């Protein structure tokens, strides 16, 4: 009987069974010969030399001018931002985290007697290693920039890299905790949000995020970093000890993570695996709308709320879109924060906070304008569900007494107001933040009015791209046709461009409009040229959407 088997013997039997299963799975795969393995190694080395090294060097050189000087950015602000980012990772665990496996493995192995912690140990280890690598790389880039300025030495760079790796591991483990369910996910996210509020208001510095933020923004005298010598630099030994403790804590959490993952229900693992398989199939087949439709938890709040119809169609549509925002409060808050962050990034690219009438930095404007436009484009998706529904029904008989273009235009009212409010909030917060750190704001070149107006243009262009994406439809068969080339079939490039045309257009428009706006603001007065160029870009996108609607 099973009860007579000792725990040690049962564990060894489970380990041997797992090794046997993995041996069979490896035997069924196509094994790479020595030449293929050597080619992969050669390809990785050449990519690192040709692409990786110049990219890292360019980022370091750009950060030399882009990163603020030590002591300018408050440590509490950066610490709160890192804490909020970790809280968002916890909430993202609802869509899937490190504990993941394919459907065949879940159906065949996860219902067996093999301990679930053994089955989930490998994917969790890979996810934690990836998070630690991303965090360590980001912190290492900051450390390399500080070294280039001659502000810090090697011990602080090591401490920064270890601290960043620890925070990256915390984010990956936070996603694992978010997988456990709403009863675990929301309390942890709320606790992290409360900690961020304390960091901003009270100035709490004893948490890991504030400690790493202190290393980043205050290379000199920081409370809690250790003794400080006459040059304003913290003691190297205390920094390394603190970074080592953070890394040790992250390692211990990574070790116990498989036991945490063992609490996941088999049904939840299978549901997430099926969801991501469907998303992958839809994305590869060139149907991003179906892939995005799979994301998002089912609506559970406000199911009993009823829409009070109005005799006026416009008011009824506005009420319907507002009800959709109320029924998904988490998505709406994340969307608001995303648009606000995009506006803040856009304002920084336009020179918000620059003191005096200096020459405009077009490279910085393009480098920050492109991701700002992309972030606004993605964040506005949460408020455009009514728009997407109206676009889907454009080719059929309408149930409402209005043409498709009229319905689409009326469904733009709520996301436009929502986006303008969020962008104005983000721009004002960015300007206020620069004023609190002692940087002069409101100079003739970088006034608050043009920057807030430019943030409104950011939302308008991003929303027009959302209209374009809503009218996309299914992928045309001509794009799926094979494209023979000397190196093989290149039809996958067409499918990729069709799938990512919205994000690519957002990046290009952000990289173009941001330098135009900074040039217009630098010229003084009303940026007429920038407004004209923005209107032309907006008209081109809307005409493109009109072509999709009639076709």
Foldseek 3Di string as FASTA:
>chain_A
DVVVDDPVRLQVVLVVVVVVVVVVVVVPDDDDDPVVVVVVVVVVVVCCVPPVVVVLVVLLVVCLPQPDAFLLADLLLQLLVLLLLLLVLLQVLQLPAQQADALVCLVPPVPDPRQQLVVSLVSLVVQLQVLLVVQLVVQLSLVSNCVVVVNDDDLLSVLSSLLRSLSRSSSRLSSLQSNQDPVRSVVVSVVSNVVSVCCVPVNDQPDSSSVSSCSRRHQFDDPPQADHDPVRHHDSVSSNVVSVVSNVVSVVSSVCSSVSNSSHDSVSNNVSNVLVVQLVVCLLQLNNVSNVVSDDDDQDPPPVPDQDDDPDPLVSLLSVLVVLCVSCVVLLVVLLQLLLQLLLLQLVLLPQLAADLDDRDLVSQLVSQLVSLLSNLVSLVSSCPQLLVLLVCQVDDDPDPDHSVVSNVSSVPVSLVSSLVSSLVSLVVSNVSSVVSPGDGCYQLRHSVLSSVVSSLSNLLSVLLVLLVSLLDRDDVVLVDFDQDPVGTPSSVSSVCSNCVSSVVSSVVSSPLRSLSSVLSSVGDDSPVSVVVSVVSSVVSNVSSVVSSVD
